[in-house]
Amino acid sequence: MESCKSSKIYPGIKPMRRLPQIFMVALILLVCLIAVADDREMADLFHNAGVKALESGDKEKAAGQFQKALKRYPTHPDAVVQLGIIFTSQVDISGLTKLYGEWLKAFKGLAQPSRKQIEVSVKLKSRLTDLYELEKINKKYSKKFAALGRSLKRKDKDAALKAYANAMEIDPGNSSAARDYKKLAGAEFDSSDKSKGPVGKKDFKLGKLVVSEDYSTPSNHWYQRDNFCWYKNGKYFVQSEPGFTYSSRYEEKFRPSDFYMEVELRLLEKQTEGAAGGFLFCHNSDGSCYFYMITFEGKFGAWVNSRTTGKKDFTGKEVGPPQKLTCSATSKHIKKGKSKNLLAVAKVGTKMFCYVNKKKILSFEDAAVSSGCVGFMVNPGSKYEYDNFKLYEVAPLDSGKDGK
């Protein structure tokens, strides 16, 4: 009987068997806490990098850093606030809506949200509400400017273009204003050459259209940086300061080897003689690439820069310092001054073909660089407007592949 009483007073052996299980649970919790701490620490590093990028004026890089911070720690209050400010400044309603939804999803999973995290939710909702109201107002006034443009297009072309430009600036999504603007602005270019479609049928077989950009809506495909490259009024602008050459590239992961590309190009401002704009292609991280540019004076140039060959001019007429890209060859097909020119270039294996206003003005062969990303280039002291960019696949005429 005593032993039975003793077993009731000391039920003891069974709980001892559960100690290893309790220990394992505690260990798992400790590992999880350490992992969360590491995620928060990494998120702080990304956030700080984003703040530095903002201070240098690079919003695109800053947004990328803040997004990395939120990926590591979805409820990082400072990162989400900074990213919300960027979306608000860009009037990016879809971006801010997605950010707010992701934040709410992460926020609801918190057992005890901090006061700061609660305040962030209120701020994001307030910003989103403001943007929706702004969008309504913008659409209303954008329609008014578009109507003004339609009423002026037969009386005063310049005033009509300005009205359409205002409509698109207020509401980049106003597709009817964008179409009317392009139709009216394109009359100058279309009157010179009524032929349609890309050029180069005698030089290669044209394949499918891979990229088409009318720049009516800003996207992340093209690099954007204050005072150097940006979207506005359904156009893409690239400019460079005197003494400084600047390039803007399509997304780095897009690296075609053989292609045909074209773009409408117009000089807007020049601070130095020889201001030029055009393409760069087959660009790589070591700086190797090809260039093809024209000037407002009716000149053009084409070069390669690589580690093996250095800088090489393919026109054979360059006159200027070796460290600069000086357009020295001339062509009657280039419209001078601030007129619009259709610039095009094709790379088919080691063969290159350069066109302006649907006329081939240069061809050459070179194997220094095989592939890389594509983009635009401007010489020192110039500001250029780019529009209607297209890039096609191509194949050699004797490849046996069907062109379209």
Protein backbone atom coordinates (compact mmCIF):
# COMPACT_ATOMS: atom_id res chain seq x y z
CA MET A 1 0.00 0.00 0.00
CA GLU A 2 2.84 2.35 0.85
CA SER A 3 4.38 1.83 -2.56
CA CYS A 4 1.09 2.70 -4.18
CA LYS A 5 0.82 5.89 -2.16
CA SER A 6 4.38 6.69 -3.08
CA SER A 7 3.64 6.35 -6.78
CA LYS A 8 0.74 8.78 -6.42
CA ILE A 9 2.87 11.34 -4.59
CA TYR A 10 5.74 11.01 -7.11
CA PRO A 11 4.14 10.32 -10.51
CA GLY A 12 7.50 11.08 -11.72
CA ILE A 13 9.10 8.84 -14.34
CA LYS A 14 6.81 9.55 -17.37
CA PRO A 15 7.48 13.34 -17.51
CA MET A 16 11.20 12.62 -17.55
CA ARG A 17 10.74 10.80 -20.83
CA ARG A 18 9.37 14.04 -22.41
CA LEU A 19 12.43 16.15 -21.60
CA PRO A 20 14.25 15.40 -24.91
CA GLN A 21 11.14 16.46 -26.85
CA ILE A 22 10.89 19.72 -24.89
CA PHE A 23 14.57 20.34 -25.46
CA MET A 24 14.18 19.83 -29.22
CA VAL A 25 11.25 22.25 -29.38
CA ALA A 26 13.24 24.84 -27.45
CA LEU A 27 16.22 24.34 -29.76
CA ILE A 28 14.06 24.79 -32.88
CA LEU A 29 12.56 27.97 -31.44
CA LEU A 30 16.04 29.28 -30.69
CA VAL A 31 17.21 28.56 -34.26
CA CYS A 32 14.12 30.32 -35.64
CA LEU A 33 14.79 33.37 -33.46
CA ILE A 34 18.39 33.49 -34.65
CA ALA A 35 17.25 33.19 -38.30
CA VAL A 36 14.75 36.04 -37.82
CA ALA A 37 17.48 38.17 -36.25
CA ASP A 38 19.77 37.47 -39.23
CA ASP A 39 16.99 38.37 -41.66
CA ARG A 40 16.37 41.64 -39.83
CA GLU A 41 20.07 42.45 -39.85
CA MET A 42 20.34 41.79 -43.61
CA ALA A 43 17.18 43.82 -44.20
CA ASP A 44 18.75 46.73 -42.30
CA LEU A 45 21.82 46.53 -44.56
CA PHE A 46 19.67 46.60 -47.72
CA HIS A 47 17.63 49.49 -46.30
CA ASN A 48 20.76 51.52 -45.55
CA ALA A 49 22.06 50.86 -49.07
CA GLY A 50 18.74 52.09 -50.44
CA VAL A 51 18.94 55.30 -48.42
CA LYS A 52 22.44 55.96 -49.80
CA ALA A 53 21.19 55.36 -53.35
CA LEU A 54 18.39 57.87 -52.74
CA GLU A 55 20.88 60.44 -51.50
CA SER A 56 22.84 60.04 -54.75
CA GLY A 57 19.65 60.48 -56.79
CA ASP A 58 19.35 56.91 -58.07
CA LYS A 59 15.70 56.01 -57.33
CA GLU A 60 15.79 52.83 -59.39
CA LYS A 61 18.68 51.37 -57.41
CA ALA A 62 17.13 52.56 -54.13
CA ALA A 63 13.82 50.84 -54.93
CA GLY A 64 15.70 47.61 -55.67
CA GLN A 65 17.48 47.75 -52.30
CA PHE A 66 14.25 48.43 -50.38
CA GLN A 67 12.58 45.51 -52.17
CA LYS A 68 15.47 43.23 -51.15
CA ALA A 69 15.04 44.40 -47.55
CA LEU A 70 11.35 43.50 -47.59
CA LYS A 71 12.09 40.13 -49.17
CA ARG A 72 14.35 39.27 -46.24
CA TYR A 73 12.11 40.86 -43.60
CA PRO A 74 8.59 41.58 -44.97
CA THR A 75 7.56 43.74 -41.99
CA HIS A 76 10.54 46.11 -42.10
CA PRO A 77 8.75 49.46 -41.44
CA ASP A 78 11.43 51.83 -42.71
CA ALA A 79 11.98 49.96 -45.99
CA VAL A 80 8.27 49.84 -46.81
CA VAL A 81 7.86 53.56 -46.03
CA GLN A 82 10.75 54.53 -48.31
CA LEU A 83 9.47 52.31 -51.12
CA GLY A 84 5.99 53.80 -50.67
CA ILE A 85 7.44 57.31 -51.00
CA ILE A 86 9.17 56.33 -54.28
CA PHE A 87 5.96 54.86 -55.74
CA THR A 88 4.04 57.95 -54.65
CA SER A 89 6.56 60.34 -56.23
CA GLN A 90 6.32 58.36 -59.49
CA VAL A 91 2.50 58.27 -59.27
CA ASP A 92 2.82 54.48 -59.61
CA ILE A 93 -0.61 53.35 -58.42
CA SER A 94 -0.17 49.70 -59.38
CA GLY A 95 3.21 49.52 -57.60
CA LEU A 96 1.85 51.13 -54.44
CA THR A 97 -1.28 48.93 -54.49
CA LYS A 98 0.83 45.78 -54.71
CA LEU A 99 3.14 47.04 -51.96
CA TYR A 100 0.18 47.79 -49.67
CA GLY A 101 -1.32 44.33 -50.29
CA GLU A 102 1.97 42.56 -49.52
CA TRP A 103 2.43 44.66 -46.40
CA LEU A 104 -1.06 43.82 -45.09
CA LYS A 105 -0.44 40.14 -45.71
CA ALA A 106 2.82 40.24 -43.74
CA PHE A 107 1.36 42.57 -41.10
CA LYS A 108 -1.59 40.28 -40.32
CA GLY A 109 0.84 37.47 -39.52
CA LEU A 110 2.35 39.43 -36.62
CA ALA A 111 1.29 38.34 -33.13
CA GLN A 112 2.06 41.73 -31.58
CA PRO A 113 2.70 44.45 -34.20
CA SER A 114 4.67 47.44 -32.98
CA ARG A 115 3.23 50.93 -32.91
CA LYS A 116 5.54 51.91 -35.76
CA GLN A 117 4.31 49.04 -37.92
CA ILE A 118 0.69 50.06 -37.27
CA GLU A 119 1.49 53.67 -38.25
CA VAL A 120 3.05 52.42 -41.50
CA SER A 121 -0.21 50.69 -42.45
CA VAL A 122 -2.11 53.93 -41.96
CA LYS A 123 0.44 55.92 -43.99
CA LEU A 124 0.39 53.50 -46.92
CA LYS A 125 -3.39 53.51 -47.05
CA SER A 126 -3.45 57.32 -46.92
CA ARG A 127 -0.92 57.60 -49.79
CA LEU A 128 -2.86 55.11 -51.87
CA THR A 129 -6.08 57.06 -51.34
CA ASP A 130 -4.34 60.28 -52.36
CA LEU A 131 -3.01 58.68 -55.55
CA TYR A 132 -6.44 57.37 -56.53
CA GLU A 133 -7.88 60.87 -56.09
CA LEU A 134 -5.00 62.38 -58.05
CA GLU A 135 -5.53 59.84 -60.82
CA LYS A 136 -9.19 60.91 -61.17
CA ILE A 137 -8.22 64.59 -61.35
CA ASN A 138 -5.38 63.91 -63.79
CA LYS A 139 -7.59 61.91 -66.15
CA LYS A 140 -10.15 64.70 -66.15
CA TYR A 141 -7.65 67.43 -67.06
CA SER A 142 -5.77 65.14 -69.45
CA LYS A 143 -8.98 64.71 -71.46
CA LYS A 144 -9.43 68.50 -71.54
CA PHE A 145 -5.93 69.02 -72.97
CA ALA A 146 -6.49 66.24 -75.54
CA ALA A 147 -9.73 67.91 -76.65
CA LEU A 148 -7.85 71.21 -76.96
CA GLY A 149 -5.24 69.49 -79.14
CA ARG A 150 -7.91 68.12 -81.46
CA SER A 151 -9.46 71.57 -81.85
CA LEU A 152 -6.08 73.14 -82.68
CA LYS A 153 -4.47 70.54 -84.94
CA ARG A 154 -5.66 72.17 -88.19
CA LYS A 155 -5.07 75.75 -87.06
CA ASP A 156 -1.84 75.61 -85.05
CA LYS A 157 0.18 72.39 -85.21
CA ASP A 158 2.75 73.43 -82.58
CA ALA A 159 0.06 74.47 -80.10
CA ALA A 160 -1.82 71.21 -80.72
CA LEU A 161 1.33 69.16 -80.10
CA LYS A 162 1.92 71.03 -76.86
CA ALA A 163 -1.67 70.36 -75.76
CA TYR A 164 -1.30 66.63 -76.51
CA ALA A 165 2.05 66.59 -74.67
CA ASN A 166 0.41 68.16 -71.62
CA ALA A 167 -2.35 65.56 -71.76
CA MET A 168 0.18 62.71 -71.78
CA GLU A 169 2.32 64.25 -69.07
CA ILE A 170 -0.68 64.58 -66.73
CA ASP A 171 -1.97 61.08 -67.58
CA PRO A 172 0.61 58.78 -69.26
CA GLY A 173 -2.19 56.25 -69.78
CA ASN A 174 -4.13 58.55 -72.13
CA SER A 175 -3.65 56.35 -75.20
CA SER A 176 -5.88 58.44 -77.48
CA ALA A 177 -3.79 61.56 -76.80
CA ALA A 178 -0.62 59.52 -77.45
CA ARG A 179 -1.98 58.27 -80.79
CA ASP A 180 -3.07 61.76 -81.86
CA TYR A 181 0.30 63.20 -80.85
CA LYS A 182 2.25 60.56 -82.80
CA LYS A 183 0.01 60.95 -85.83
CA LEU A 184 0.46 64.72 -85.88
CA ALA A 185 4.18 64.72 -84.99
CA GLY A 186 4.93 61.89 -87.40
CA ALA A 187 3.63 63.76 -90.44
CA GLU A 188 7.03 65.45 -90.83
CA PHE A 189 8.86 62.13 -90.95
CA ASP A 190 6.30 60.18 -92.99
CA SER A 191 6.23 62.77 -95.79
CA SER A 192 9.83 62.03 -96.71
CA ASP A 193 9.46 58.28 -97.22
CA LYS A 194 6.14 56.52 -97.74
CA SER A 195 7.61 53.01 -97.63
CA LYS A 196 6.51 50.91 -94.69
CA GLY A 197 8.19 48.31 -92.52
CA PRO A 198 11.82 47.74 -91.51
CA VAL A 199 14.66 47.98 -94.01
CA GLY A 200 17.40 45.51 -94.84
CA LYS A 201 15.51 42.86 -96.80
CA LYS A 202 18.40 42.60 -99.24
CA ASP A 203 20.94 42.12 -96.46
CA PHE A 204 19.25 39.56 -94.15
CA LYS A 205 16.03 37.72 -93.39
CA LEU A 206 13.80 39.49 -90.88
CA GLY A 207 12.30 37.37 -88.09
CA LYS A 208 9.77 38.05 -85.38
CA LEU A 209 9.40 41.33 -83.52
CA VAL A 210 10.95 40.82 -80.07
CA VAL A 211 10.79 44.30 -78.49
CA SER A 212 8.47 47.21 -79.26
CA GLU A 213 8.49 50.39 -77.16
CA ASP A 214 6.47 53.54 -77.84
CA TYR A 215 7.37 54.99 -74.40
CA SER A 216 3.77 56.00 -73.71
CA THR A 217 4.04 54.28 -70.32
CA PRO A 218 7.27 54.22 -68.25
CA SER A 219 8.63 50.72 -67.65
CA ASN A 220 11.56 49.12 -65.86
CA HIS A 221 13.02 47.85 -69.14
CA TRP A 222 14.90 51.10 -69.81
CA TYR A 223 17.27 52.63 -67.29
CA GLN A 224 16.07 55.83 -65.64
CA ARG A 225 18.22 58.36 -63.83
CA ASP A 226 17.54 61.99 -62.96
CA ASN A 227 19.13 64.48 -65.40
CA PHE A 228 20.48 61.73 -67.66
CA CYS A 229 17.63 59.50 -68.93
CA TRP A 230 13.89 59.62 -68.28
CA TYR A 231 10.37 59.23 -69.69
CA LYS A 232 8.16 62.22 -70.48
CA ASN A 233 5.23 62.94 -72.82
CA GLY A 234 5.38 59.51 -74.43
CA LYS A 235 9.09 59.84 -75.26
CA TYR A 236 12.39 58.62 -73.80
CA PHE A 237 15.13 61.20 -73.28
CA VAL A 238 18.89 60.80 -72.92
CA GLN A 239 21.26 63.70 -72.34
CA SER A 240 24.88 64.24 -71.43
CA GLU A 241 26.82 67.07 -69.87
CA PRO A 242 29.66 68.78 -71.77
CA GLY A 243 32.78 66.62 -71.66
CA PHE A 244 30.84 63.56 -70.57
CA THR A 245 29.52 60.76 -72.84
CA TYR A 246 26.44 58.95 -71.54
CA SER A 247 24.66 55.72 -72.49
CA SER A 248 21.37 54.16 -71.42
CA ARG A 249 20.72 50.44 -71.87
CA TYR A 250 17.75 48.14 -72.17
CA GLU A 251 17.55 45.61 -69.34
CA GLU A 252 20.90 43.87 -68.85
CA LYS A 253 19.54 40.32 -69.06
CA PHE A 254 18.41 40.95 -72.66
CA ARG A 255 21.55 40.27 -74.71
CA PRO A 256 20.73 39.43 -78.36
CA SER A 257 23.48 38.21 -80.68
CA ASP A 258 21.87 38.80 -84.10
CA PHE A 259 19.16 41.45 -84.53
CA TYR A 260 17.78 44.44 -86.40
CA MET A 261 16.72 47.49 -84.35
CA GLU A 262 15.39 50.93 -85.21
CA VAL A 263 14.32 54.08 -83.39
CA GLU A 264 13.10 57.59 -84.18
CA LEU A 265 15.69 60.08 -83.01
CA ARG A 266 15.55 63.86 -82.60
CA LEU A 267 18.10 66.35 -81.27
CA LEU A 268 16.54 68.67 -78.68
CA GLU A 269 19.47 70.66 -77.31
CA LYS A 270 23.19 71.01 -77.93
CA GLN A 271 25.84 72.72 -75.86
CA THR A 272 28.85 71.66 -77.90
CA GLU A 273 29.65 71.17 -81.57
CA GLY A 274 29.59 67.56 -82.71
CA ALA A 275 26.77 66.63 -80.35
CA ALA A 276 25.64 63.18 -81.49
CA GLY A 277 23.13 60.48 -80.60
CA GLY A 278 22.42 56.92 -81.63
CA PHE A 279 22.91 53.28 -80.65
CA LEU A 280 25.32 51.17 -78.71
CA PHE A 281 25.07 47.39 -78.97
CA CYS A 282 26.84 44.19 -77.90
CA HIS A 283 27.74 46.04 -74.72
CA ASN A 284 29.53 44.11 -71.97
CA SER A 285 30.63 44.85 -68.42
CA ASP A 286 34.26 45.38 -69.49
CA GLY A 287 33.15 48.29 -71.72
CA SER A 288 33.49 46.46 -75.03
CA CYS A 289 30.72 47.29 -77.54
CA TYR A 290 29.81 48.84 -80.90
CA PHE A 291 28.57 52.41 -81.46
CA TYR A 292 26.61 54.00 -84.30
CA MET A 293 25.67 57.69 -84.05
CA ILE A 294 24.61 60.66 -86.18
CA THR A 295 24.87 64.43 -85.63
CA PHE A 296 22.61 67.42 -86.28
CA GLU A 297 25.19 68.50 -88.89
CA GLY A 298 24.46 65.52 -91.16
CA LYS A 299 27.46 63.44 -90.09
CA PHE A 300 27.74 59.90 -88.74
CA GLY A 301 30.22 57.46 -87.27
CA ALA A 302 30.53 53.78 -86.30
CA TRP A 303 33.10 52.24 -83.98
CA VAL A 304 34.03 49.23 -81.89
CA ASN A 305 35.75 49.36 -78.55
CA SER A 306 37.23 46.14 -77.15
CA ARG A 307 40.16 44.89 -75.11
CA THR A 308 41.68 43.17 -78.13
CA THR A 309 41.33 45.93 -80.72
CA GLY A 310 40.85 49.06 -78.64
CA LYS A 311 38.83 51.82 -80.35
CA LYS A 312 38.38 51.39 -84.12
CA ASP A 313 36.54 53.67 -86.59
CA PHE A 314 34.72 51.86 -89.43
CA THR A 315 34.10 54.91 -91.64
CA GLY A 316 37.82 55.56 -92.12
CA LYS A 317 37.14 59.30 -91.96
CA GLU A 318 37.25 60.11 -88.26
CA VAL A 319 39.04 63.33 -87.42
CA GLY A 320 39.39 63.98 -83.72
CA PRO A 321 41.12 62.94 -80.50
CA PRO A 322 41.45 59.15 -80.10
CA GLN A 323 39.69 59.18 -76.72
CA LYS A 324 36.49 60.63 -78.22
CA LEU A 325 33.84 59.39 -80.68
CA THR A 326 33.86 62.03 -83.43
CA CYS A 327 31.36 61.65 -86.30
CA SER A 328 33.28 62.66 -89.44
CA ALA A 329 31.61 60.85 -92.36
CA THR A 330 28.71 62.64 -94.08
CA SER A 331 25.43 61.45 -95.61
CA LYS A 332 22.78 63.32 -97.58
CA HIS A 333 20.15 61.02 -96.07
CA ILE A 334 20.56 62.49 -92.57
CA LYS A 335 18.13 65.31 -91.81
CA LYS A 336 19.97 68.21 -90.22
CA GLY A 337 19.15 70.39 -87.23
CA LYS A 338 16.35 69.25 -84.94
CA SER A 339 14.51 67.17 -87.55
CA LYS A 340 13.47 63.60 -86.77
CA ASN A 341 15.59 60.78 -88.21
CA LEU A 342 14.83 57.06 -88.32
CA LEU A 343 18.02 55.33 -87.22
CA ALA A 344 18.53 51.58 -87.66
CA VAL A 345 21.32 49.04 -87.30
CA ALA A 346 21.56 45.28 -87.88
CA LYS A 347 24.05 42.69 -86.69
CA VAL A 348 24.07 39.40 -88.60
CA GLY A 349 26.93 37.22 -87.45
CA THR A 350 30.03 39.36 -87.98
CA LYS A 351 28.33 41.68 -90.51
CA MET A 352 26.93 45.08 -89.49
CA PHE A 353 24.55 47.29 -91.48
CA CYS A 354 23.82 50.94 -90.60
CA TYR A 355 20.76 52.81 -91.91
CA VAL A 356 19.23 56.26 -91.62
CA ASN A 357 15.76 57.12 -92.92
CA LYS A 358 15.55 53.67 -94.55
CA LYS A 359 18.77 54.14 -96.53
CA LYS A 360 21.89 52.05 -95.91
CA ILE A 361 24.82 54.38 -95.37
CA LEU A 362 27.47 51.97 -94.05
CA SER A 363 28.24 48.26 -93.76
CA PHE A 364 31.28 46.55 -92.28
CA GLU A 365 32.44 43.24 -90.84
CA ASP A 366 34.01 42.72 -87.44
CA ALA A 367 34.30 39.89 -84.92
CA ALA A 368 35.69 41.69 -81.88
CA VAL A 369 32.44 41.45 -79.84
CA SER A 370 29.86 38.71 -80.40
CA SER A 371 26.93 39.69 -78.17
CA GLY A 372 25.78 41.91 -75.32
CA CYS A 373 23.02 44.32 -74.34
CA VAL A 374 21.63 47.11 -76.52
CA GLY A 375 20.85 50.75 -75.79
CA PHE A 376 21.28 54.41 -76.70
CA MET A 377 24.32 56.68 -76.70
CA VAL A 378 24.76 60.47 -76.67
CA ASN A 379 27.96 62.44 -77.10
CA PRO A 380 29.00 65.25 -74.73
CA GLY A 381 26.78 68.28 -74.47
CA SER A 382 23.62 66.97 -76.14
CA LYS A 383 20.04 66.01 -75.35
CA TYR A 384 18.17 63.56 -77.60
CA GLU A 385 14.59 62.32 -77.78
CA TYR A 386 13.97 58.64 -78.67
CA ASP A 387 10.66 57.10 -79.74
CA ASN A 388 9.15 53.98 -81.32
CA PHE A 389 11.99 51.54 -80.64
CA LYS A 390 11.71 48.12 -82.29
CA LEU A 391 14.00 45.09 -82.27
CA TYR A 392 13.61 42.03 -84.52
CA GLU A 393 15.29 38.67 -84.81
CA VAL A 394 17.30 38.21 -88.04
CA ALA A 395 19.03 35.46 -89.96
CA PRO A 396 21.55 35.45 -92.84
CA LEU A 397 20.08 35.25 -96.34
CA ASP A 398 21.75 31.85 -96.92
CA SER A 399 20.77 30.34 -93.54
CA GLY A 400 17.77 28.44 -94.86
CA LYS A 401 15.57 29.89 -92.10
CA ASP A 402 12.25 31.38 -93.05
CA GLY A 403 12.01 35.11 -92.61
CA LYS A 404 8.76 36.91 -92.05
